[in-house]
Structure formats: structure tokens, C-alpha cells
């Protein structure tokens, strides 16, 4: 007995199955068929990718702004510390005791005596006349005397 695989008479009564031949036709293109369900899936995917990108961008911006705020706060703390230090130095340099010491040692100034203080009262005039020296009083006396003599002699 021959092997069944080599027995070709088993296939003799069957018609041969032939594949249809394909022909190339120019000028005709097949239209791309996309169903509404595929369009919905693609639209949802695009929206999800857009939302994810927006979320990542907002998180990156938030992180960047947070670091800028922290940096600015550190600068503010340093500036306040410098201000407090410089205010203390200024207060110590402009204290009354320090100013008096500089005035007496470096500038050679002295405190006022009670004899140097002059009180002035203004009743009707808004001018202050300084006390005159001896020479000024003498010259005023002579000029007033000459003026009165001229008035006396003038008829």
C-alpha cells in the first residue's frame, strides 16, 4: 500500500480552486472608509493627550514660579536683615552722646553758657535788634546829635 500523502487519485475528482486574479486599474482610488466609532476614539485620544500636555505644562510653570517666589523671599529676608543692621548702626552714630562727643573732640565746639542765651520778646514789631557794641553806640550818638543840630540851625 502506498502512502496516503502520495496518492494523487484522492484529489482527482475535485475541481481546482483558483484564486481570482487581481488587476491594476489606473485612475480609480479606493476611498478610505473610517467609521464614526473610530473618529470618536481618535477624538478622545487627542483630547486626552491635550489635557495631559496642559497638566504637565501647568505643573512645570507652577514649579518654576514657586522657586522664583522662594528666591525672592530669601532676598527679602536678607534685605530686612541688612536694614535692621544699618538702622542700628545709624541710631548708634546719631545718638546725642555720640554727636556731642564728635562736636567737642573733632570740631572744637563747646556747650552754651547761660550768659550766651538772650531772650527776646516781640510786642509790636517783627524785627530783632542786636545789642550794639560800644563803637556802634558812639557813632549812633554822634550822628543823632549832628542831625538834631542841623534841624535846630535850619530855619
N, C-alpha and C. Protein backbone atom coordinates (compact mmCIF):
# COMPACT_ATOMS: atom_id res chain seq x y z
N UNK A 1 0.80 -1.13 0.00
CA UNK A 1 0.00 0.00 0.00
C UNK A 1 0.87 1.24 0.00
N UNK A 2 0.46 2.14 -0.75
CA UNK A 2 1.24 3.35 -0.88
C UNK A 2 0.81 4.34 0.19
N UNK A 3 1.65 5.24 0.41
CA UNK A 3 1.33 6.22 1.44
C UNK A 3 0.22 7.14 0.93
N UNK A 4 -0.60 7.61 1.91
CA UNK A 4 -1.76 8.40 1.57
C UNK A 4 -1.37 9.78 1.06
N UNK A 5 -0.23 10.27 1.48
CA UNK A 5 0.20 11.60 1.07
C UNK A 5 0.58 11.62 -0.40
N UNK A 6 1.02 10.46 -0.93
CA UNK A 6 1.45 10.45 -2.32
C UNK A 6 0.37 9.89 -3.24
N UNK A 7 -0.77 9.62 -2.72
CA UNK A 7 -1.84 9.08 -3.52
C UNK A 7 -2.60 10.25 -4.12
N UNK A 8 -2.34 10.55 -5.37
CA UNK A 8 -2.91 11.71 -6.03
C UNK A 8 -4.30 11.40 -6.57
N UNK A 9 -4.70 10.18 -6.62
CA UNK A 9 -6.01 9.85 -7.12
C UNK A 9 -7.10 10.33 -6.16
N UNK A 10 -6.78 10.58 -4.93
CA UNK A 10 -7.76 11.08 -3.98
C UNK A 10 -8.23 12.47 -4.34
N UNK A 11 -7.39 13.20 -5.02
CA UNK A 11 -7.72 14.59 -5.36
C UNK A 11 -8.21 14.73 -6.80
N UNK A 12 -8.36 13.64 -7.53
CA UNK A 12 -8.67 13.70 -8.94
C UNK A 12 -10.09 14.18 -9.19
N UNK A 13 -11.02 13.91 -8.37
CA UNK A 13 -12.40 14.25 -8.63
C UNK A 13 -12.76 15.68 -8.22
N UNK A 14 -11.95 16.38 -7.59
CA UNK A 14 -12.27 17.73 -7.10
C UNK A 14 -11.92 18.79 -8.13
N UNK A 15 -12.73 19.79 -8.15
CA UNK A 15 -12.34 20.88 -9.04
C UNK A 15 -11.23 21.72 -8.37
N UNK A 16 -10.39 22.25 -9.13
CA UNK A 16 -9.29 23.08 -8.61
C UNK A 16 -9.82 24.44 -8.17
N UNK A 17 -9.39 24.85 -7.01
CA UNK A 17 -9.78 26.18 -6.53
C UNK A 17 -8.77 27.20 -7.06
N UNK A 18 -9.28 28.12 -7.78
CA UNK A 18 -8.39 29.14 -8.34
C UNK A 18 -8.70 30.47 -7.65
N UNK A 19 -7.69 31.16 -7.39
CA UNK A 19 -7.85 32.47 -6.78
C UNK A 19 -8.14 33.47 -7.87
N UNK A 20 -9.01 34.40 -7.55
CA UNK A 20 -9.28 35.40 -8.58
C UNK A 20 -8.04 36.26 -8.79
N UNK A 21 -7.85 36.57 -10.00
CA UNK A 21 -6.68 37.39 -10.33
C UNK A 21 -6.98 38.86 -10.07
N UNK A 22 -5.96 39.54 -9.64
CA UNK A 22 -6.11 40.96 -9.37
C UNK A 22 -5.61 41.74 -10.55
N UNK A 23 -6.33 42.77 -10.87
CA UNK A 23 -5.92 43.61 -11.98
C UNK A 23 -5.64 45.01 -11.44
N UNK A 24 -4.70 45.65 -12.00
CA UNK A 24 -4.39 47.03 -11.64
C UNK A 24 -5.13 47.93 -12.59
N UNK A 25 -5.91 48.82 -12.00
CA UNK A 25 -6.68 49.74 -12.81
C UNK A 25 -6.20 51.14 -12.46
N UNK A 26 -5.86 51.88 -13.45
CA UNK A 26 -5.38 53.24 -13.24
C UNK A 26 -6.54 54.20 -13.10
N UNK A 27 -6.31 55.24 -12.22
CA UNK A 27 -7.28 56.31 -12.10
C UNK A 27 -8.35 56.08 -11.07
N UNK A 28 -8.53 54.92 -10.63
CA UNK A 28 -9.53 54.67 -9.62
C UNK A 28 -8.82 54.44 -8.29
N UNK A 29 -9.21 55.25 -7.32
CA UNK A 29 -8.65 55.09 -5.99
C UNK A 29 -9.77 54.69 -5.07
N UNK A 30 -9.41 53.87 -4.14
CA UNK A 30 -10.41 53.47 -3.18
C UNK A 30 -10.53 54.55 -2.11
N UNK A 31 -11.74 54.79 -1.73
CA UNK A 31 -11.97 55.75 -0.68
C UNK A 31 -11.67 55.11 0.66
N UNK A 32 -11.07 55.92 1.54
CA UNK A 32 -10.74 55.44 2.87
C UNK A 32 -12.01 55.44 3.70
N UNK A 33 -12.34 54.33 4.20
CA UNK A 33 -13.56 54.20 4.97
C UNK A 33 -13.20 54.24 6.46
N UNK A 34 -13.70 55.30 7.13
CA UNK A 34 -13.48 55.43 8.55
C UNK A 34 -14.85 55.50 9.20
N UNK A 35 -15.02 54.66 10.16
CA UNK A 35 -16.33 54.63 10.80
C UNK A 35 -16.41 55.73 11.85
N UNK A 36 -17.62 56.05 12.28
CA UNK A 36 -17.85 57.09 13.29
C UNK A 36 -17.24 56.67 14.62
N UNK A 37 -17.22 55.40 14.91
CA UNK A 37 -16.65 54.92 16.16
C UNK A 37 -15.14 55.16 16.20
N UNK A 38 -14.47 54.96 15.08
CA UNK A 38 -13.03 55.22 15.03
C UNK A 38 -12.75 56.72 15.20
N UNK A 39 -13.59 57.56 14.62
CA UNK A 39 -13.43 59.01 14.76
C UNK A 39 -13.59 59.41 16.22
N UNK A 40 -14.56 58.84 16.92
CA UNK A 40 -14.76 59.15 18.33
C UNK A 40 -13.55 58.74 19.16
N UNK A 41 -13.01 57.58 18.90
CA UNK A 41 -11.84 57.09 19.64
C UNK A 41 -10.64 58.02 19.40
N UNK A 42 -10.45 58.41 18.16
CA UNK A 42 -9.33 59.30 17.83
C UNK A 42 -9.52 60.66 18.51
N UNK A 43 -10.75 61.18 18.50
CA UNK A 43 -11.02 62.47 19.13
C UNK A 43 -10.78 62.41 20.64
N UNK A 44 -11.21 61.35 21.29
CA UNK A 44 -10.98 61.19 22.72
C UNK A 44 -9.49 61.10 23.02
N UNK A 45 -8.75 60.38 22.18
CA UNK A 45 -7.30 60.26 22.37
C UNK A 45 -6.63 61.63 22.22
N UNK A 46 -7.04 62.41 21.23
CA UNK A 46 -6.45 63.74 21.03
C UNK A 46 -6.76 64.64 22.23
N UNK A 47 -7.99 64.59 22.72
CA UNK A 47 -8.36 65.41 23.88
C UNK A 47 -7.55 64.99 25.11
N UNK A 48 -7.39 63.70 25.31
CA UNK A 48 -6.63 63.21 26.46
C UNK A 48 -5.16 63.63 26.37
N UNK A 49 -4.59 63.55 25.19
CA UNK A 49 -3.19 63.97 25.01
C UNK A 49 -3.08 65.48 25.27
N UNK A 50 -4.05 66.26 24.79
CA UNK A 50 -4.04 67.71 25.03
C UNK A 50 -4.15 68.04 26.52
N UNK A 51 -5.05 67.36 27.21
CA UNK A 51 -5.20 67.59 28.65
C UNK A 51 -3.94 67.20 29.42
N UNK A 52 -3.35 66.09 29.04
CA UNK A 52 -2.12 65.65 29.70
C UNK A 52 -0.99 66.65 29.47
N UNK A 53 -0.85 67.13 28.24
CA UNK A 53 0.18 68.13 27.95
C UNK A 53 -0.07 69.42 28.72
N UNK A 54 -1.32 69.85 28.80
CA UNK A 54 -1.66 71.06 29.57
C UNK A 54 -1.36 70.90 31.04
N UNK A 55 -1.67 69.72 31.60
CA UNK A 55 -1.39 69.45 33.00
C UNK A 55 0.10 69.48 33.27
N UNK A 56 0.89 68.86 32.40
CA UNK A 56 2.34 68.86 32.59
C UNK A 56 2.92 70.26 32.48
N UNK A 57 2.40 71.05 31.53
CA UNK A 57 2.90 72.41 31.38
C UNK A 57 2.55 73.27 32.58
N UNK A 58 1.32 73.11 33.11
CA UNK A 58 0.93 73.91 34.27
C UNK A 58 1.74 73.51 35.51
N UNK A 59 2.05 72.24 35.65
CA UNK A 59 2.87 71.80 36.78
C UNK A 59 4.30 72.35 36.67
N UNK A 60 4.83 72.37 35.46
CA UNK A 60 6.17 72.93 35.26
C UNK A 60 6.19 74.42 35.55
N UNK A 61 5.16 75.14 35.10
CA UNK A 61 5.07 76.58 35.38
C UNK A 61 4.91 76.84 36.86
N UNK A 62 4.09 76.03 37.53
CA UNK A 62 3.90 76.18 38.97
C UNK A 62 5.20 75.95 39.73
N UNK A 63 5.96 74.95 39.33
CA UNK A 63 7.24 74.68 39.98
C UNK A 63 8.21 75.83 39.76
N UNK A 64 8.25 76.36 38.56
CA UNK A 64 9.15 77.47 38.25
C UNK A 64 8.78 78.71 39.06
N UNK A 65 7.50 79.02 39.14
CA UNK A 65 7.07 80.19 39.90
C UNK A 65 7.31 80.01 41.40
N UNK A 66 7.15 78.79 41.89
CA UNK A 66 7.42 78.53 43.30
C UNK A 66 8.89 78.77 43.63
N UNK A 67 9.79 78.34 42.76
CA UNK A 67 11.22 78.58 43.01
C UNK A 67 11.54 80.07 42.95
N UNK A 68 10.89 80.80 42.04
CA UNK A 68 11.11 82.25 41.98
C UNK A 68 10.61 82.93 43.25
N UNK A 69 9.46 82.51 43.76
CA UNK A 69 8.92 83.09 44.99
C UNK A 69 9.85 82.82 46.16
N UNK A 70 10.35 81.60 46.26
CA UNK A 70 11.26 81.27 47.35
C UNK A 70 12.55 82.09 47.26
N UNK A 71 13.05 82.26 46.06
CA UNK A 71 14.26 83.07 45.87
C UNK A 71 14.01 84.52 46.27
N UNK A 72 12.88 85.06 45.88
CA UNK A 72 12.54 86.45 46.22
C UNK A 72 12.34 86.60 47.72
N UNK A 73 11.75 85.60 48.36
CA UNK A 73 11.57 85.66 49.81
C UNK A 73 12.91 85.63 50.53
N UNK A 74 13.85 84.84 50.03
CA UNK A 74 15.20 84.82 50.63
C UNK A 74 15.86 86.18 50.48
N UNK A 75 15.69 86.81 49.31
CA UNK A 75 16.27 88.14 49.11
C UNK A 75 15.62 89.16 50.04
N UNK A 76 14.31 89.04 50.25
CA UNK A 76 13.60 89.94 51.16
C UNK A 76 14.10 89.79 52.59
N UNK A 77 14.29 88.55 53.03
CA UNK A 77 14.80 88.32 54.38
C UNK A 77 16.20 88.91 54.53
N UNK A 78 17.05 88.73 53.53
CA UNK A 78 18.40 89.30 53.58
C UNK A 78 18.34 90.82 53.60
N UNK A 79 17.45 91.42 52.79
CA UNK A 79 17.33 92.87 52.76
C UNK A 79 16.82 93.40 54.10
N UNK A 80 15.87 92.72 54.72
CA UNK A 80 15.37 93.15 56.02
C UNK A 80 16.46 93.04 57.08
N UNK A 81 17.26 92.01 57.01
CA UNK A 81 18.37 91.86 57.96
C UNK A 81 19.37 93.00 57.79
N UNK A 82 19.70 93.31 56.55
CA UNK A 82 20.62 94.44 56.29
C UNK A 82 20.02 95.75 56.78
N UNK A 83 18.72 95.94 56.58
CA UNK A 83 18.05 97.16 57.01
C UNK A 83 18.11 97.29 58.54
N UNK A 84 17.83 96.20 59.22
CA UNK A 84 17.88 96.24 60.68
C UNK A 84 19.28 96.55 61.19
N UNK A 85 20.29 95.94 60.56
CA UNK A 85 21.68 96.19 60.97
C UNK A 85 22.05 97.65 60.71
N UNK A 86 21.73 98.15 59.52
CA UNK A 86 22.09 99.53 59.19
C UNK A 86 21.31 100.54 60.02
N UNK A 87 20.07 100.23 60.37
CA UNK A 87 19.30 101.12 61.24
C UNK A 87 19.95 101.20 62.62
N UNK A 88 20.42 100.07 63.13
CA UNK A 88 21.12 100.07 64.41
C UNK A 88 22.40 100.88 64.36
N UNK A 89 23.15 100.72 63.28
CA UNK A 89 24.39 101.48 63.13
C UNK A 89 24.08 102.97 63.03
N UNK A 90 23.05 103.33 62.28
CA UNK A 90 22.68 104.74 62.14
C UNK A 90 22.23 105.31 63.48
N UNK A 91 21.44 104.56 64.24
CA UNK A 91 21.00 105.04 65.55
C UNK A 91 22.18 105.25 66.49
N UNK A 92 23.14 104.33 66.43
CA UNK A 92 24.29 104.48 67.32
C UNK A 92 25.16 105.66 66.92
N UNK A 93 25.25 105.95 65.63
CA UNK A 93 26.09 107.06 65.19
C UNK A 93 25.41 108.41 65.37
N UNK A 94 24.09 108.43 65.39
CA UNK A 94 23.39 109.70 65.53
C UNK A 94 22.83 109.91 66.92
N UNK A 95 23.27 109.11 67.88
CA UNK A 95 22.80 109.33 69.24
C UNK A 95 23.36 110.65 69.77
N UNK A 96 22.64 111.25 70.71
CA UNK A 96 23.02 112.56 71.22
C UNK A 96 24.40 112.53 71.88
N UNK A 97 24.70 111.47 72.58
CA UNK A 97 26.00 111.35 73.25
C UNK A 97 27.12 111.31 72.23
N UNK A 98 26.93 110.55 71.16
CA UNK A 98 27.95 110.44 70.11
C UNK A 98 28.13 111.76 69.38
N UNK A 99 27.03 112.46 69.12
CA UNK A 99 27.11 113.75 68.41
C UNK A 99 27.84 114.76 69.28
N UNK A 100 27.55 114.80 70.58
CA UNK A 100 28.24 115.72 71.48
C UNK A 100 29.74 115.43 71.52
N UNK A 101 30.08 114.15 71.56
CA UNK A 101 31.50 113.77 71.62
C UNK A 101 32.23 114.21 70.35
N UNK A 102 31.62 114.01 69.18
CA UNK A 102 32.26 114.42 67.93
C UNK A 102 32.37 115.94 67.86
N UNK A 103 31.32 116.64 68.33
CA UNK A 103 31.33 118.11 68.28
C UNK A 103 32.44 118.66 69.17
N UNK A 104 32.66 118.10 70.33
CA UNK A 104 33.68 118.63 71.23
C UNK A 104 35.09 118.18 70.85
N UNK A 105 35.25 116.94 70.42
CA UNK A 105 36.60 116.44 70.14
C UNK A 105 37.09 116.84 68.76
N UNK A 106 36.29 116.64 67.75
CA UNK A 106 36.76 116.87 66.38
C UNK A 106 36.53 118.30 65.91
N UNK A 107 35.40 118.90 66.28
CA UNK A 107 35.08 120.22 65.78
C UNK A 107 35.47 121.34 66.75
N UNK A 108 35.78 121.00 67.97
CA UNK A 108 36.20 122.00 68.94
C UNK A 108 35.07 122.87 69.45
N UNK A 109 33.85 122.40 69.39
CA UNK A 109 32.70 123.18 69.87
C UNK A 109 32.54 122.97 71.37
N UNK A 110 31.84 123.92 72.00
CA UNK A 110 31.60 123.82 73.43
C UNK A 110 30.12 124.02 73.68
N UNK A 111 29.66 123.60 74.87
CA UNK A 111 28.27 123.81 75.24
C UNK A 111 28.05 125.27 75.56
N UNK A 112 26.80 125.73 75.43
CA UNK A 112 26.45 127.12 75.71
C UNK A 112 26.51 127.40 77.20
N UNK A 113 26.95 128.63 77.53
CA UNK A 113 26.85 129.12 78.90
C UNK A 113 25.52 129.85 79.03
N UNK A 114 25.09 130.05 80.27
CA UNK A 114 23.84 130.77 80.48
C UNK A 114 23.98 132.23 80.09
N UNK A 115 25.22 132.72 80.09
CA UNK A 115 25.40 134.12 79.72
C UNK A 115 25.26 134.34 78.21
N UNK A 116 25.34 133.27 77.43
CA UNK A 116 25.24 133.39 75.97
C UNK A 116 23.79 133.35 75.49
N UNK A 117 22.88 133.06 76.35
CA UNK A 117 21.48 132.94 75.97
C UNK A 117 20.82 134.30 76.10
N UNK A 118 20.13 134.76 75.07
CA UNK A 118 19.42 136.03 75.08
C UNK A 118 17.96 135.76 74.75
N UNK A 119 17.08 136.24 75.61
CA UNK A 119 15.65 136.07 75.37
C UNK A 119 15.10 137.35 74.76
N UNK A 120 14.29 137.24 73.77
CA UNK A 120 13.75 138.39 73.06
C UNK A 120 12.23 138.29 73.12
N UNK A 121 11.59 139.40 73.46
CA UNK A 121 10.13 139.44 73.43
C UNK A 121 9.71 140.42 72.35
N UNK A 122 8.79 140.06 71.57
CA UNK A 122 8.28 140.90 70.50
C UNK A 122 6.87 141.32 70.86
N UNK A 123 6.67 142.63 70.95
CA UNK A 123 5.33 143.10 71.30
C UNK A 123 4.63 143.68 70.08
N UNK A 124 5.28 144.63 69.41
CA UNK A 124 4.59 145.27 68.30
C UNK A 124 5.36 145.15 66.99
N UNK A 125 6.61 144.89 67.05
CA UNK A 125 7.41 144.82 65.83
C UNK A 125 7.84 143.39 65.57
N UNK A 126 8.18 143.14 64.33
CA UNK A 126 8.64 141.81 63.98
C UNK A 126 10.13 141.81 63.66
N UNK A 127 10.85 142.79 64.19
CA UNK A 127 12.29 142.84 63.96
C UNK A 127 13.01 142.69 65.28
N UNK A 128 14.17 142.17 65.21
CA UNK A 128 15.00 141.99 66.39
C UNK A 128 16.25 142.82 66.21
N UNK A 129 16.58 143.64 67.18
CA UNK A 129 17.79 144.45 67.15
C UNK A 129 18.81 143.81 68.07
N UNK A 130 19.98 143.59 67.53
CA UNK A 130 21.04 143.01 68.34
C UNK A 130 21.61 144.09 69.27
N UNK A 131 22.13 143.69 70.39
CA UNK A 131 22.78 144.68 71.23
C UNK A 131 24.00 145.24 70.50
N UNK A 132 24.14 146.55 70.60
CA UNK A 132 25.20 147.21 69.86
C UNK A 132 26.50 147.20 70.66
N UNK A 133 27.60 147.25 69.93
CA UNK A 133 28.89 147.36 70.59
C UNK A 133 29.12 148.81 70.98
N UNK A 134 30.17 149.07 71.69
CA UNK A 134 30.47 150.41 72.16
C UNK A 134 30.70 151.38 71.03
N UNK A 135 31.42 150.99 70.00
CA UNK A 135 31.71 151.86 68.87
C UNK A 135 30.42 152.21 68.12
N UNK A 136 29.52 151.22 67.93
CA UNK A 136 28.28 151.47 67.22
C UNK A 136 27.40 152.44 68.01
N UNK A 137 27.36 152.29 69.34
CA UNK A 137 26.58 153.23 70.16
C UNK A 137 27.15 154.65 70.05
N UNK A 138 28.49 154.78 70.06
CA UNK A 138 29.13 156.10 69.97
C UNK A 138 28.85 156.74 68.62
N UNK A 139 28.94 155.96 67.53
CA UNK A 139 28.70 156.53 66.20
C UNK A 139 27.23 156.91 66.04
N UNK A 140 26.29 156.12 66.61
CA UNK A 140 24.87 156.49 66.56
C UNK A 140 24.61 157.78 67.35
N UNK A 141 25.27 157.93 68.50
CA UNK A 141 25.11 159.14 69.32
C UNK A 141 25.58 160.38 68.56
N UNK A 142 26.74 160.27 67.86
CA UNK A 142 27.26 161.41 67.10
C UNK A 142 26.34 161.76 65.93
N UNK A 143 25.87 160.74 65.21
CA UNK A 143 25.02 161.01 64.05
C UNK A 143 23.68 161.61 64.48
N UNK A 144 23.11 161.13 65.58
CA UNK A 144 21.85 161.70 66.08
C UNK A 144 22.06 163.14 66.56
N UNK A 145 23.18 163.41 67.21
CA UNK A 145 23.49 164.77 67.67
C UNK A 145 23.66 165.72 66.51
N UNK A 146 24.36 165.29 65.46
CA UNK A 146 24.56 166.15 64.28
C UNK A 146 23.23 166.41 63.58
N UNK A 147 22.38 165.40 63.49
CA UNK A 147 21.08 165.60 62.85
C UNK A 147 20.21 166.58 63.64
N UNK A 148 20.21 166.45 64.95
CA UNK A 148 19.42 167.39 65.75
C UNK A 148 19.99 168.80 65.67
N UNK A 149 21.32 168.97 65.59
CA UNK A 149 21.93 170.29 65.44
C UNK A 149 21.55 170.89 64.10
N UNK A 150 21.52 170.07 63.04
CA UNK A 150 21.15 170.55 61.71
C UNK A 150 19.69 170.99 61.70
N UNK A 151 18.82 170.26 62.41
CA UNK A 151 17.41 170.66 62.49
C UNK A 151 17.27 171.98 63.26
N UNK A 152 18.06 172.15 64.25
CA UNK A 152 18.00 173.38 65.06
C UNK A 152 18.46 174.60 64.28
N UNK A 153 19.54 174.41 63.49
CA UNK A 153 20.09 175.53 62.74
C UNK A 153 19.28 175.83 61.46
N UNK A 154 18.59 174.90 60.96
CA UNK A 154 17.84 175.08 59.70
C UNK A 154 16.54 175.81 60.03
N UNK A 155 16.34 177.07 59.45
CA UNK A 155 15.14 177.83 59.79
C UNK A 155 13.92 177.35 59.10
